[in-house]
Amino acid sequence: METIAIPQGFRVTPEQFNQLADAEQLARMELTKDGELIIMSPTGGTAGGKNFNLYLDLGIWNRQTKLGQAFDSSTVFVLPNGARRSPDVSWIKLERWNQLTLTQQDGFPPIVPDFIIELVSPSLVGFLRILG
């Protein structure tokens, strides 16, 4: 397979993003409101362990309370401004989640989570420096 160099600031449409996400299951991608494609690097062991513990804690709490739906970083949400984002950990109140159709729930849900956690990793710090 040929490697493609993606220039900084590369832009795609929401439809192209959906096609890429369907075709490339291994990459964690996000799309900004301006159409900039962000490909997230895999986490290292320390960050992966922290992420797991956050998922676990939120998942146990959510299972006990039955107040909503919890998600890991593989879930992409379509935000009102058109951006497609996947926070490390997120949660949506059950009544809001149930307002979505099954098709919306099965795809990239068009909803802003009620609660998110985004760990600041070395790769994210580097990315923020580039933006800064």
Protein backbone atom coordinates (compact mmCIF):
# COMPACT_ATOMS: atom_id res chain seq x y z
CA MET A 1 0.00 0.00 0.00
CA GLU A 2 1.30 3.44 -0.91
CA THR A 3 1.91 5.99 1.84
CA ILE A 4 0.27 9.37 1.37
CA ALA A 5 1.83 12.47 2.89
CA ILE A 6 -0.94 14.64 4.30
CA PRO A 7 0.05 18.31 4.42
CA GLN A 8 -0.67 20.34 7.53
CA GLY A 9 -4.05 22.03 7.21
CA PHE A 10 -5.38 19.40 4.77
CA ARG A 11 -9.13 19.88 4.30
CA VAL A 12 -11.90 17.40 3.52
CA THR A 13 -15.68 17.62 3.34
CA PRO A 14 -17.89 15.90 5.92
CA GLU A 15 -18.82 13.31 3.26
CA GLN A 16 -15.14 12.59 2.49
CA PHE A 17 -14.49 12.25 6.23
CA ASN A 18 -17.26 9.65 6.50
CA GLN A 19 -15.75 7.72 3.56
CA LEU A 20 -12.28 7.81 5.14
CA ALA A 21 -13.63 6.69 8.51
CA ASP A 22 -15.47 3.77 6.89
CA ALA A 23 -12.41 2.72 4.86
CA GLU A 24 -9.73 3.15 7.53
CA GLN A 25 -10.89 1.48 10.72
CA LEU A 26 -7.43 1.65 12.29
CA ALA A 27 -7.00 5.42 12.34
CA ARG A 28 -8.53 7.69 14.94
CA MET A 29 -9.57 10.80 13.07
CA GLU A 30 -11.36 14.04 13.80
CA LEU A 31 -12.64 16.80 11.54
CA THR A 32 -12.64 20.48 12.56
CA LYS A 33 -15.50 22.83 11.73
CA ASP A 34 -13.27 24.27 8.99
CA GLY A 35 -12.77 20.86 7.37
CA GLU A 36 -9.22 20.24 8.64
CA LEU A 37 -8.54 16.53 8.96
CA ILE A 38 -6.79 15.55 12.21
CA ILE A 39 -5.28 12.07 12.43
CA MET A 40 -4.61 11.11 16.02
CA SER A 41 -1.57 9.03 16.86
CA PRO A 42 -1.97 5.92 19.00
CA THR A 43 -1.39 6.38 22.72
CA GLY A 44 1.53 4.98 24.66
CA GLY A 45 1.22 2.64 27.62
CA THR A 46 0.91 5.30 30.32
CA ALA A 47 -1.80 7.28 28.52
CA GLY A 48 -3.57 4.06 27.47
CA GLY A 49 -3.68 2.91 31.10
CA LYS A 50 -5.05 6.26 32.27
CA ASN A 51 -7.68 6.20 29.51
CA PHE A 52 -8.70 2.67 30.48
CA ASN A 53 -9.15 3.63 34.14
CA LEU A 54 -11.28 6.62 33.16
CA TYR A 55 -13.46 4.42 30.91
CA LEU A 56 -13.75 1.87 33.67
CA ASP A 57 -14.70 4.38 36.39
CA LEU A 58 -17.28 6.12 34.21
CA GLY A 59 -18.61 2.79 32.94
CA ILE A 60 -19.08 1.35 36.44
CA TRP A 61 -20.77 4.55 37.66
CA ASN A 62 -23.03 4.61 34.60
CA ARG A 63 -23.94 0.93 34.94
CA GLN A 64 -24.88 1.49 38.60
CA THR A 65 -26.89 4.68 38.05
CA LYS A 66 -28.38 3.87 34.62
CA LEU A 67 -28.53 7.63 33.96
CA GLY A 68 -27.00 7.71 30.50
CA GLN A 69 -24.77 6.24 27.83
CA ALA A 70 -20.96 6.20 28.16
CA PHE A 71 -18.51 6.18 25.23
CA ASP A 72 -14.82 5.59 24.62
CA SER A 73 -12.49 7.42 22.24
CA SER A 74 -13.58 5.39 19.21
CA THR A 75 -16.95 7.21 19.11
CA VAL A 76 -17.17 10.21 16.76
CA PHE A 77 -19.80 12.86 17.50
CA VAL A 78 -21.09 15.33 14.89
CA LEU A 79 -21.19 18.75 16.55
CA PRO A 80 -23.60 21.57 15.60
CA ASN A 81 -20.80 23.47 13.81
CA GLY A 82 -20.12 20.43 11.58
CA ALA A 83 -16.98 19.28 13.39
CA ARG A 84 -16.57 15.57 14.06
CA ARG A 85 -14.85 14.93 17.38
CA SER A 86 -14.01 11.89 19.50
CA PRO A 87 -13.16 12.75 23.11
CA ASP A 88 -11.20 10.24 25.19
CA VAL A 89 -14.23 9.54 27.40
CA SER A 90 -17.75 10.93 27.07
CA TRP A 91 -21.23 10.54 28.50
CA ILE A 92 -24.73 11.55 27.39
CA LYS A 93 -27.89 11.72 29.54
CA LEU A 94 -30.20 8.83 28.68
CA GLU A 95 -33.17 11.06 27.80
CA ARG A 96 -31.05 12.99 25.26
CA TRP A 97 -29.52 9.79 23.83
CA ASN A 98 -32.99 8.25 23.40
CA GLN A 99 -34.13 11.27 21.38
CA LEU A 100 -31.78 10.17 18.58
CA THR A 101 -32.99 7.71 15.97
CA LEU A 102 -31.42 4.25 15.86
CA THR A 103 -29.69 5.27 12.62
CA GLN A 104 -28.20 8.33 14.35
CA GLN A 105 -27.10 6.22 17.33
CA ASP A 106 -25.48 3.61 15.06
CA GLY A 107 -23.63 6.18 12.96
CA PHE A 108 -21.75 9.28 14.13
CA PRO A 109 -24.30 10.63 16.63
CA PRO A 110 -25.25 14.27 15.94
CA ILE A 111 -25.09 15.34 19.57
CA VAL A 112 -22.78 17.16 21.98
CA PRO A 113 -21.97 14.93 24.97
CA ASP A 114 -23.03 16.20 28.39
CA PHE A 115 -19.66 15.23 29.87
CA ILE A 116 -16.25 14.67 28.28
CA ILE A 117 -12.73 13.90 29.43
CA GLU A 118 -9.75 14.63 27.21
CA LEU A 119 -6.38 13.57 28.58
CA VAL A 120 -3.51 15.89 27.75
CA SER A 121 -0.88 13.58 26.29
CA PRO A 122 2.57 14.52 24.92
CA SER A 123 1.23 14.13 21.36
CA LEU A 124 -1.71 16.45 22.14
CA VAL A 125 0.61 19.03 23.71
CA GLY A 126 2.73 18.96 20.54
CA PHE A 127 -0.38 19.35 18.40
CA LEU A 128 -1.58 22.29 20.48
CA ARG A 129 1.85 23.94 20.09
CA ILE A 130 1.51 23.65 16.30
CA LEU A 131 -1.91 25.33 16.48
CA GLY A 132 -0.78 27.90 19.04
